[in-house]
Protein backbone atom coordinates (compact mmCIF):
# COMPACT_ATOMS: atom_id res chain seq x y z
CA MET A 1 -66.91 -39.79 233.77
CA ILE A 2 -68.81 -42.64 233.96
CA LEU A 3 -71.30 -43.44 229.93
CA SER A 4 -73.54 -46.07 229.84
CA LYS A 5 -72.97 -47.85 226.54
CA ARG A 6 -73.00 -51.04 225.26
CA VAL A 7 -68.77 -51.72 223.51
CA TYR A 8 -67.66 -54.87 221.88
CA PHE A 9 -64.31 -53.86 221.90
CA LYS A 10 -60.75 -56.59 221.00
CA ASP A 11 -63.37 -59.71 222.17
CA GLN A 12 -64.93 -58.58 225.03
CA THR A 13 -67.76 -56.69 225.38
CA PHE A 14 -68.19 -53.54 227.61
CA HIS A 15 -71.17 -52.22 228.59
CA ALA A 16 -69.89 -48.63 229.48
CA LEU A 17 -67.02 -45.92 228.79
CA SER A 18 -65.28 -43.83 230.91
CA ASP A 19 -62.28 -41.10 230.65
CA ASP A 20 -61.59 -41.34 234.37
CA THR A 21 -58.53 -43.65 235.92
CA LYS A 22 -60.52 -43.94 238.91
CA GLU A 23 -63.65 -45.15 237.24
CA ILE A 24 -62.36 -48.82 236.12
CA THR A 25 -64.37 -51.51 237.36
CA GLU A 26 -65.35 -54.31 235.22
CA GLY A 27 -66.74 -54.06 232.46
CA VAL A 28 -65.63 -50.00 231.88
CA LEU A 29 -63.27 -49.43 228.81
CA LEU A 30 -61.52 -46.91 229.32
CA VAL A 31 -61.23 -44.05 227.06
CA LYS A 32 -57.68 -42.67 226.36
CA THR A 33 -56.76 -39.02 226.26
CA PRO A 34 -53.89 -37.05 226.73
CA SER A 35 -54.96 -36.11 229.73
CA ASN A 36 -55.23 -39.27 231.56
CA ALA A 37 -52.72 -41.04 229.69
CA ARG A 38 -50.22 -41.22 232.11
CA PHE A 39 -52.76 -42.28 235.03
CA ILE A 40 -53.48 -45.41 233.28
CA PRO A 41 -52.20 -48.79 234.50
CA PRO A 42 -50.15 -51.29 232.47
CA ASN A 43 -52.95 -53.82 230.66
CA THR A 44 -55.81 -51.86 230.57
CA PRO A 45 -57.96 -52.50 228.21
CA CYS A 46 -58.26 -48.81 226.64
CA LEU A 47 -59.90 -47.70 223.42
CA GLU A 48 -58.13 -44.41 222.32
CA ALA A 49 -59.77 -41.23 222.04
CA GLN A 50 -59.23 -40.67 218.18
CA GLU A 51 -61.32 -43.68 217.99
CA LEU A 52 -64.47 -43.36 219.62
CA GLY A 53 -66.33 -43.16 216.70
CA ARG A 54 -66.66 -45.69 215.65
CA TYR A 55 -68.78 -46.92 218.50
CA PHE A 56 -71.25 -43.60 217.85
CA ASP A 57 -74.64 -42.91 215.58
CA LEU A 58 -72.75 -39.10 214.46
CA LYS A 59 -74.38 -38.73 211.16
CA THR A 60 -74.72 -34.61 211.89
CA GLN A 61 -72.18 -32.10 210.44
CA ILE A 62 -70.40 -30.59 213.24
CA ILE A 63 -69.14 -26.35 212.93
CA GLY A 64 -66.37 -25.43 215.57
CA ILE A 65 -66.28 -22.00 216.51
CA THR A 66 -63.43 -20.56 218.86
CA GLY A 67 -62.26 -17.33 219.59
CA THR A 68 -61.35 -15.55 222.89
CA ASN A 69 -64.27 -13.09 222.09
CA GLY A 70 -67.68 -13.83 219.60
CA LYS A 71 -67.85 -17.83 219.74
CA THR A 72 -71.74 -17.54 221.09
CA THR A 73 -72.69 -15.46 219.49
CA THR A 74 -71.51 -16.62 216.28
CA ALA A 75 -72.75 -19.66 216.65
CA ALA A 76 -75.80 -19.20 217.53
CA LEU A 77 -76.29 -16.86 214.20
CA ILE A 78 -74.84 -19.65 212.57
CA ALA A 79 -77.63 -21.67 213.59
CA HIS A 80 -80.31 -19.00 213.25
CA VAL A 81 -79.35 -18.58 209.08
CA LEU A 82 -79.04 -22.31 209.10
CA GLN A 83 -82.44 -22.95 210.69
CA SER A 84 -84.54 -19.79 209.15
CA LEU A 85 -83.51 -22.15 205.39
CA GLY A 86 -85.00 -25.59 206.35
CA HIS A 87 -81.81 -26.76 207.74
CA SER A 88 -82.14 -28.78 211.61
CA CYS A 89 -79.62 -27.46 214.26
CA ALA A 90 -78.14 -28.97 217.45
CA LEU A 91 -76.45 -26.39 218.87
CA LEU A 92 -73.95 -26.55 222.22
CA GLY A 93 -72.00 -23.71 224.22
CA THR A 94 -71.70 -21.49 226.89
CA ARG A 95 -75.30 -21.07 227.01
CA GLY A 96 -76.18 -25.32 227.14
CA PHE A 97 -77.46 -27.32 225.18
CA PHE A 98 -80.43 -26.68 222.24
CA ILE A 99 -81.45 -29.17 219.56
CA GLN A 100 -83.77 -27.21 217.02
CA GLY A 101 -83.96 -24.29 219.52
CA ALA A 102 -85.22 -26.27 222.16
CA GLN A 103 -83.07 -26.59 225.60
CA VAL A 104 -82.39 -30.30 226.64
CA LYS A 105 -78.90 -28.94 228.98
CA PRO A 106 -78.52 -26.47 231.42
CA LYS A 107 -75.40 -24.24 230.82
CA GLY A 108 -71.93 -25.98 231.51
CA LEU A 109 -68.52 -25.75 229.98
CA THR A 110 -68.05 -23.73 227.75
CA THR A 111 -67.49 -27.58 225.65
CA PRO A 112 -67.88 -29.98 227.87
CA SER A 113 -66.49 -33.28 228.15
CA LEU A 114 -65.00 -35.71 225.62
CA LEU A 115 -67.75 -38.32 225.97
CA GLU A 116 -70.19 -36.01 227.13
CA LEU A 117 -69.66 -34.18 224.02
CA TYR A 118 -70.18 -37.49 221.36
CA SER A 119 -72.72 -38.38 223.44
CA ASP A 120 -74.65 -35.42 222.67
CA LEU A 121 -73.95 -35.44 219.12
CA GLU A 122 -75.47 -39.55 219.44
CA ARG A 123 -78.80 -37.30 220.67
CA ALA A 124 -78.80 -34.69 217.93
CA THR A 125 -78.38 -37.47 215.15
CA ALA A 126 -80.72 -39.57 216.69
CA GLU A 127 -83.07 -36.46 216.78
CA GLY A 128 -82.23 -35.53 212.95
CA ALA A 129 -80.07 -32.67 213.58
CA GLU A 130 -78.07 -31.87 210.06
CA TYR A 131 -75.82 -29.96 211.95
CA PHE A 132 -74.70 -30.09 214.89
CA VAL A 133 -72.84 -25.83 216.12
CA MET A 134 -70.75 -26.01 219.39
CA GLU A 135 -68.29 -23.43 221.03
CA VAL A 136 -65.09 -24.77 221.10
CA SER A 137 -62.75 -23.36 224.24
CA SER A 138 -58.65 -23.50 224.45
CA HIS A 139 -59.13 -26.30 227.47
CA ALA A 140 -60.84 -28.13 225.18
CA ILE A 141 -58.85 -28.33 223.00
CA ALA A 142 -55.69 -28.28 225.22
CA GLN A 143 -57.30 -31.53 227.00
CA GLY A 144 -58.23 -33.17 223.64
CA ARG A 145 -62.33 -32.80 224.55
CA ILE A 146 -62.58 -32.49 220.26
CA LEU A 147 -60.22 -35.91 219.69
CA GLY A 148 -61.48 -37.59 217.05
CA LEU A 149 -64.18 -35.58 215.58
CA ALA A 150 -64.73 -34.10 212.35
CA PHE A 151 -66.39 -30.49 211.37
CA ALA A 152 -67.66 -29.81 208.84
CA ALA A 153 -66.20 -26.22 209.43
CA LYS A 154 -64.65 -24.63 211.85
CA VAL A 155 -64.53 -20.82 211.97
CA HIS A 156 -62.21 -18.33 214.08
CA THR A 157 -63.04 -15.15 215.71
CA ASN A 158 -60.58 -13.26 217.75
CA ILE A 159 -57.30 -14.39 219.29
CA THR A 160 -56.20 -11.64 221.68
CA SER A 161 -55.64 -12.99 225.75
CA ASP A 162 -57.65 -14.94 228.71
CA HIS A 163 -57.82 -17.97 230.27
CA LEU A 164 -53.13 -17.51 231.16
CA ASP A 165 -53.99 -18.98 234.35
CA TYR A 166 -54.07 -22.36 232.85
CA HIS A 167 -51.75 -21.86 230.03
CA LYS A 168 -49.24 -19.55 231.82
CA ASP A 169 -48.22 -17.55 228.32
CA LEU A 170 -49.78 -15.96 225.71
CA GLU A 171 -47.49 -17.31 222.76
CA THR A 172 -48.51 -20.81 224.78
CA TYR A 173 -52.27 -19.51 223.97
CA ARG A 174 -52.21 -18.45 221.12
CA ALA A 175 -50.48 -21.82 220.08
CA ILE A 176 -53.72 -23.92 221.07
CA LYS A 177 -56.33 -21.25 219.39
CA ASN A 178 -54.13 -21.96 215.89
CA GLN A 179 -53.79 -25.61 216.57
CA PHE A 180 -57.49 -26.04 215.34
CA PHE A 181 -56.75 -24.44 212.16
CA SER A 182 -53.89 -26.94 211.32
CA ASP A 183 -55.38 -29.16 209.19
CA GLU A 184 -56.70 -29.07 205.55
CA GLY A 185 -60.30 -28.82 206.49
CA LEU A 186 -62.98 -25.91 205.90
CA LYS A 187 -62.02 -22.86 207.36
CA ILE A 188 -63.37 -19.11 208.09
CA ILE A 189 -60.75 -17.04 209.40
CA ASN A 190 -61.24 -13.49 210.42
CA LEU A 191 -57.90 -11.96 208.18
CA ASP A 192 -58.45 -8.61 210.41
CA ASP A 193 -56.70 -10.68 213.22
CA PRO A 194 -52.86 -10.22 213.47
CA HIS A 195 -52.54 -13.78 215.72
CA VAL A 196 -54.25 -15.97 213.74
CA ARG A 197 -51.50 -18.72 211.51
CA PHE A 198 -53.94 -21.29 209.73
CA ASN A 199 -53.04 -23.76 207.00
CA PRO A 200 -54.68 -21.89 203.99
CA ALA A 201 -55.39 -25.33 201.80
CA ASN A 202 -59.79 -24.83 202.25
CA ALA A 203 -59.17 -21.09 204.57
CA TYR A 204 -61.80 -18.96 203.59
CA GLY A 205 -61.45 -15.05 204.68
CA TYR A 206 -63.48 -12.43 206.60
CA ALA A 207 -62.13 -8.93 206.75
CA CYS A 208 -63.56 -5.41 206.99
CA GLU A 209 -60.52 -3.81 206.54
CA ARG A 210 -59.26 -5.77 203.58
CA LYS A 211 -60.32 -7.74 200.36
CA THR A 212 -61.17 -11.27 200.85
CA HIS A 213 -63.44 -14.16 200.60
CA LEU A 214 -66.53 -12.09 202.40
CA SER A 215 -65.67 -7.78 202.64
CA VAL A 216 -67.23 -5.05 203.31
CA ASN A 217 -67.41 -1.90 200.99
CA ALA A 218 -69.19 0.00 203.33
CA TYR A 219 -70.93 -0.37 207.13
CA SER A 220 -73.26 1.51 209.60
CA LEU A 221 -73.55 1.36 213.49
CA ARG A 222 -76.32 3.56 213.95
CA PRO A 223 -79.28 2.95 215.24
CA ASP A 224 -77.84 -0.72 214.24
CA LEU A 225 -76.36 -2.61 211.91
CA SER A 226 -76.17 -2.73 208.77
CA ALA A 227 -73.08 -3.72 205.49
CA HIS A 228 -72.92 -3.72 202.29
CA ILE A 229 -70.99 -6.91 201.42
CA GLU A 230 -69.66 -8.58 198.42
CA PHE A 231 -68.67 -12.77 198.01
CA ARG A 232 -66.22 -13.82 195.81
CA ALA A 233 -65.26 -17.63 195.88
CA ASP A 234 -61.71 -16.47 194.19
CA PRO A 235 -60.50 -12.73 195.63
CA ARG A 236 -57.32 -12.80 193.47
CA SER A 237 -60.33 -11.95 190.20
CA ARG A 238 -61.25 -9.27 191.49
CA ARG A 239 -58.73 -7.26 188.95
CA ASN A 240 -59.36 -9.54 186.05
CA ALA A 241 -63.18 -9.96 186.85
CA PRO A 242 -64.23 -7.47 188.77
CA ASN A 243 -67.52 -8.03 188.51
CA ASN A 244 -67.37 -11.34 189.35
CA ALA A 245 -69.49 -11.08 193.15
CA GLU A 246 -71.97 -11.79 194.89
CA MET A 247 -73.29 -8.86 196.30
CA GLY A 248 -75.55 -8.23 199.63
CA ILE A 249 -76.89 -5.85 202.08
CA VAL A 250 -77.70 -6.71 205.27
CA HIS A 251 -80.10 -5.74 207.99
CA ALA A 252 -79.54 -6.65 211.70
CA PRO A 253 -81.34 -5.75 215.50
CA LEU A 254 -77.50 -5.27 216.51
CA MET A 255 -74.91 -3.11 218.74
CA GLY A 256 -71.22 -2.58 217.73
CA LEU A 257 -68.61 -2.71 214.88
CA HIS A 258 -67.99 -6.75 216.79
CA ASN A 259 -71.21 -8.40 215.85
CA LEU A 260 -70.41 -7.50 212.43
CA TYR A 261 -67.81 -9.06 212.34
CA ASN A 262 -69.75 -11.89 214.27
CA LEU A 263 -71.91 -11.35 211.54
CA LEU A 264 -69.47 -11.75 207.95
CA GLY A 265 -68.69 -15.06 210.01
CA ALA A 266 -71.95 -16.92 210.47
CA LEU A 267 -72.53 -15.93 206.58
CA LEU A 268 -69.28 -17.42 205.45
CA CYS A 269 -69.95 -19.93 207.29
CA VAL A 270 -73.15 -20.93 205.86
CA ARG A 271 -71.86 -19.79 202.15
CA ALA A 272 -69.17 -22.47 202.24
CA LEU A 273 -71.36 -25.19 203.49
CA THR A 274 -74.14 -24.63 201.59
CA GLN A 275 -73.71 -22.59 198.38
CA THR A 276 -76.63 -20.62 199.19
CA PRO A 277 -76.44 -17.25 197.66
CA LEU A 278 -75.24 -14.32 199.54
CA GLU A 279 -78.40 -12.15 199.03
CA THR A 280 -80.22 -14.92 200.28
CA LEU A 281 -77.93 -15.64 203.45
CA CYS A 282 -78.72 -10.95 204.19
CA GLU A 283 -82.13 -11.85 204.14
CA ARG A 284 -82.45 -14.26 206.85
CA VAL A 285 -80.21 -12.25 209.66
CA GLY A 286 -82.48 -9.37 210.03
CA ASP A 287 -84.75 -10.46 212.83
CA PHE A 288 -82.00 -12.18 215.07
CA THR A 289 -81.93 -9.65 218.12
CA GLY A 290 -78.75 -11.20 219.36
CA VAL A 291 -77.95 -13.35 222.45
CA GLU A 292 -78.95 -12.71 226.34
CA GLY A 293 -75.93 -11.22 228.09
CA ARG A 294 -74.42 -10.17 225.27
CA MET A 295 -74.71 -6.65 224.68
CA GLU A 296 -78.53 -7.08 225.59
CA VAL A 297 -80.49 -4.00 226.32
CA VAL A 298 -82.37 -4.18 229.90
CA HIS A 299 -83.30 -0.47 229.37
CA GLN A 300 -83.99 2.34 227.77
CA ASN A 301 -83.33 5.85 228.59
CA PRO A 302 -81.27 5.87 230.55
CA LEU A 303 -79.91 3.49 227.94
CA VAL A 304 -78.51 0.77 230.42
CA VAL A 305 -76.39 -2.88 228.58
CA VAL A 306 -75.44 -5.54 229.96
CA ASP A 307 -73.05 -7.96 228.30
CA PHE A 308 -70.67 -10.87 228.79
CA ALA A 309 -67.43 -9.26 228.64
CA HIS A 310 -64.54 -10.39 230.75
CA THR A 311 -61.12 -9.28 228.75
CA ALA A 312 -59.70 -5.94 227.82
CA ASP A 313 -60.05 -7.13 224.18
CA GLY A 314 -64.44 -7.32 225.24
CA PHE A 315 -64.22 -4.05 226.97
CA VAL A 316 -62.13 -2.18 224.23
CA GLN A 317 -65.57 -3.91 221.20
CA ILE A 318 -68.54 -3.05 223.93
CA PHE A 319 -66.45 0.59 224.72
CA ASN A 320 -66.50 1.02 220.90
CA SER A 321 -69.60 0.54 219.91
CA PHE A 322 -70.85 3.64 222.28
CA LYS A 323 -68.05 5.92 221.21
CA ALA A 324 -70.23 9.29 220.95
CA GLN A 325 -71.96 8.29 224.20
CA LYS A 326 -71.63 9.56 227.60
CA ILE A 327 -70.66 5.83 229.33
CA LYS A 328 -70.51 4.53 232.88
CA VAL A 329 -69.17 0.81 233.77
CA VAL A 330 -69.80 -1.59 237.12
CA PHE A 331 -67.17 -4.52 236.66
CA GLY A 332 -65.50 -6.36 238.55
CA ALA A 333 -62.52 -10.11 237.57
CA GLY A 334 -63.39 -13.46 238.42
CA GLY A 335 -61.67 -15.03 241.42
CA ASP A 336 -59.53 -17.83 240.73
CA ARG A 337 -58.74 -17.54 237.41
CA ASP A 338 -56.32 -15.36 235.35
CA LYS A 339 -54.47 -12.60 237.20
CA SER A 340 -52.60 -10.82 234.21
CA LYS A 341 -55.75 -9.44 233.03
CA ARG A 342 -57.57 -7.79 235.78
CA PRO A 343 -54.57 -4.54 235.44
CA LEU A 344 -55.32 -4.29 231.39
CA MET A 345 -58.85 -4.02 232.58
CA GLY A 346 -59.12 -1.44 234.48
CA GLN A 347 -56.88 0.91 232.36
CA VAL A 348 -59.71 0.42 229.84
CA ALA A 349 -62.35 0.86 231.63
CA THR A 350 -61.35 3.88 233.10
CA ALA A 351 -59.78 5.45 229.73
CA HIS A 352 -62.90 5.35 228.29
CA ALA A 353 -66.06 5.46 231.06
CA LEU A 354 -66.59 8.24 232.91
CA LYS A 355 -67.24 6.62 235.82
CA SER A 356 -66.56 3.47 236.71
CA TYR A 357 -68.11 1.06 239.67
CA ILE A 358 -65.56 -1.79 240.63
CA THR A 359 -66.90 -4.41 241.93
CA SER A 360 -67.02 -8.59 242.34
CA ASP A 361 -67.28 -11.22 239.50
CA ASN A 362 -68.03 -14.07 240.49
CA PRO A 363 -64.84 -14.28 242.99
CA ARG A 364 -65.04 -17.90 244.23
CA THR A 365 -62.39 -18.60 246.88
CA GLU A 366 -60.24 -15.48 246.42
CA GLU A 367 -60.81 -11.91 248.74
CA PRO A 368 -63.39 -9.54 246.32
CA LEU A 369 -61.19 -6.39 247.72
CA ALA A 370 -57.72 -8.18 246.30
CA ILE A 371 -59.38 -8.30 243.07
CA ILE A 372 -60.15 -5.24 243.31
CA GLU A 373 -56.95 -4.21 243.69
CA ASP A 374 -55.91 -5.98 241.28
CA ILE A 375 -57.85 -4.27 238.58
CA LEU A 376 -56.50 -1.06 239.96
CA SER A 377 -53.15 -1.12 240.03
CA GLY A 378 -53.86 -0.67 235.92
CA VAL A 379 -55.85 3.07 236.26
CA ALA A 380 -53.94 5.77 236.07
CA LEU A 381 -53.43 7.80 239.65
CA GLU A 382 -54.78 10.65 237.24
CA LEU A 383 -57.50 8.50 236.80
CA ARG A 384 -58.35 7.06 239.88
CA ASP A 385 -61.33 10.29 240.99
CA ARG A 386 -63.70 8.19 238.25
CA VAL A 387 -63.60 5.19 240.17
CA VAL A 388 -66.14 3.80 242.68
CA VAL A 389 -64.92 0.77 244.71
CA GLU A 390 -68.38 -1.43 246.18
CA PRO A 391 -67.31 -5.31 245.97
CA ASP A 392 -70.72 -6.13 246.44
CA ARG A 393 -72.23 -5.74 243.39
CA LYS A 394 -76.20 -5.55 243.73
CA LYS A 395 -74.93 -2.29 245.58
CA ALA A 396 -72.64 -0.68 243.09
CA ILE A 397 -75.31 -1.93 240.21
CA GLU A 398 -77.74 0.04 241.96
CA LEU A 399 -75.41 3.23 242.86
CA ALA A 400 -74.69 3.01 239.01
CA LEU A 401 -78.21 3.47 238.11
CA SER A 402 -79.09 6.23 241.12
CA GLU A 403 -76.35 7.96 239.42
CA LEU A 404 -77.17 7.36 235.43
CA GLN A 405 -78.65 10.24 234.03
CA GLY A 406 -80.56 10.61 230.81
CA ASP A 407 -78.01 10.87 228.09
CA GLU A 408 -75.48 8.62 229.81
CA VAL A 409 -75.37 5.10 228.99
CA LEU A 410 -74.50 2.55 231.90
CA LEU A 411 -72.63 -1.38 231.33
CA ILE A 412 -73.38 -3.59 233.23
CA LEU A 413 -70.46 -6.23 232.06
CA GLY A 414 -68.81 -9.58 233.18
CA LYS A 415 -71.60 -11.58 234.07
CA GLY A 416 -74.34 -11.57 230.96
CA ASP A 417 -76.68 -13.56 231.37
CA GLU A 418 -75.80 -15.75 234.70
CA CYS A 419 -78.01 -16.09 236.56
CA VAL A 420 -75.97 -17.03 239.95
CA GLN A 421 -72.61 -15.19 242.29
CA ILE A 422 -70.25 -18.09 242.91
CA VAL A 423 -68.33 -16.55 246.18
CA GLY A 424 -66.40 -19.58 247.84
CA GLU A 425 -68.38 -22.31 246.86
CA ALA A 426 -71.72 -20.93 247.13
CA HIS A 427 -73.58 -20.77 243.86
CA LEU A 428 -76.31 -17.48 245.35
CA PRO A 429 -79.46 -16.36 243.19
CA PHE A 430 -78.14 -13.81 241.36
CA ASP A 431 -78.86 -11.46 237.37
CA ASP A 432 -77.48 -8.37 236.69
CA ARG A 433 -80.97 -7.85 234.61
CA ALA A 434 -83.25 -9.13 236.69
CA LEU A 435 -81.65 -6.29 239.10
CA VAL A 436 -81.67 -3.83 236.62
CA ARG A 437 -85.20 -4.09 236.05
CA HIS A 438 -86.52 -4.42 239.23
CA PHE A 439 -84.64 -1.42 239.92
CA PHE A 440 -87.33 0.79 237.15
CA HIS A 441 -90.07 -0.95 238.30
CA LYS A 442 -89.72 -1.08 241.92
CA ASP A 443 -92.66 1.85 242.69
């Protein structure tokens, strides 16, 4: 990427920056990164990525959220609470780039390229954003796309399994995620996650199953999420000063235990950054209705929910939100992506659902039926009668809707609020939610 920017570097004036060695031309200064270092010709002037901050106006406080699941909702919650407190805020992630709630860039990578990210940060600063809330992907950490950034806070949601097509094995994936929390800056950690490793300096914990800085005393998930929570600046004082805590009751129109974790992470982050009393923060989430495509209720009676879940752990979280109900599910798996998770998704879905309609997600350059075979390999033989295979996603969704009974829940998983389906190199218009709405209103 070439970014137009006037830079004075080592007695030379450059008119642009680039992190692509193929774009080295007169007047373009190369930014050296771990990805391009071995391709740089000798004697090429280059700026170390860690030094980029000297050449950009970055006065906004950066909040980074990483984890296998929950990044998008947690980021949106943090931005929502900060804005409700009167702070100007930018939000960058899977859904695009937003400043004060207005979308200024469409969806792209979860975390953009290094230079694009610095450009976005500078734009947010120019437009007065006090905070810049961003999702941080494992790819971005591994590829150095966040080099040189000073984070005001880092938030951990969970670490399960994903992207093993890139990271090759689970240990490497976990190590990359945990690397984000190895410094001494402010860290917000889900202490119920057995796989998280972090530097304890300036680390604050949240949990449902143990007592820490932000803990849950009681909660209910029906019909909406509500919980009695408490915050302690020093959890070790619990025994000696049992009454030295801030208490709060939180109500939010959200579904599922995983959203309680998202909520806890967001509240603790804002509490640690702004010192706003917990009770005040709890009042700010009552009107947060969630993020499009994340546990989005598209139809009531019968209930149809669309979600972005695309890992086995994400499936478990969704299914556990409807434990006492009769569940049916439509899902597939992305092509040209981590194949190891496909059998696990099949295993989880058929263990929890009365009926699974296995179909295409974004097949990309893979054969849809081959992807489906990978999913089916995880389905126990005695549960195969619970499975319907229909590679055409539109037909699969319409079939599931036509067979849905009033006392059943249909979960349509994998694509969330995506508005296209990627088949080969083509991006074809496709929206799970629009299909559902059309089905119920076609008459």
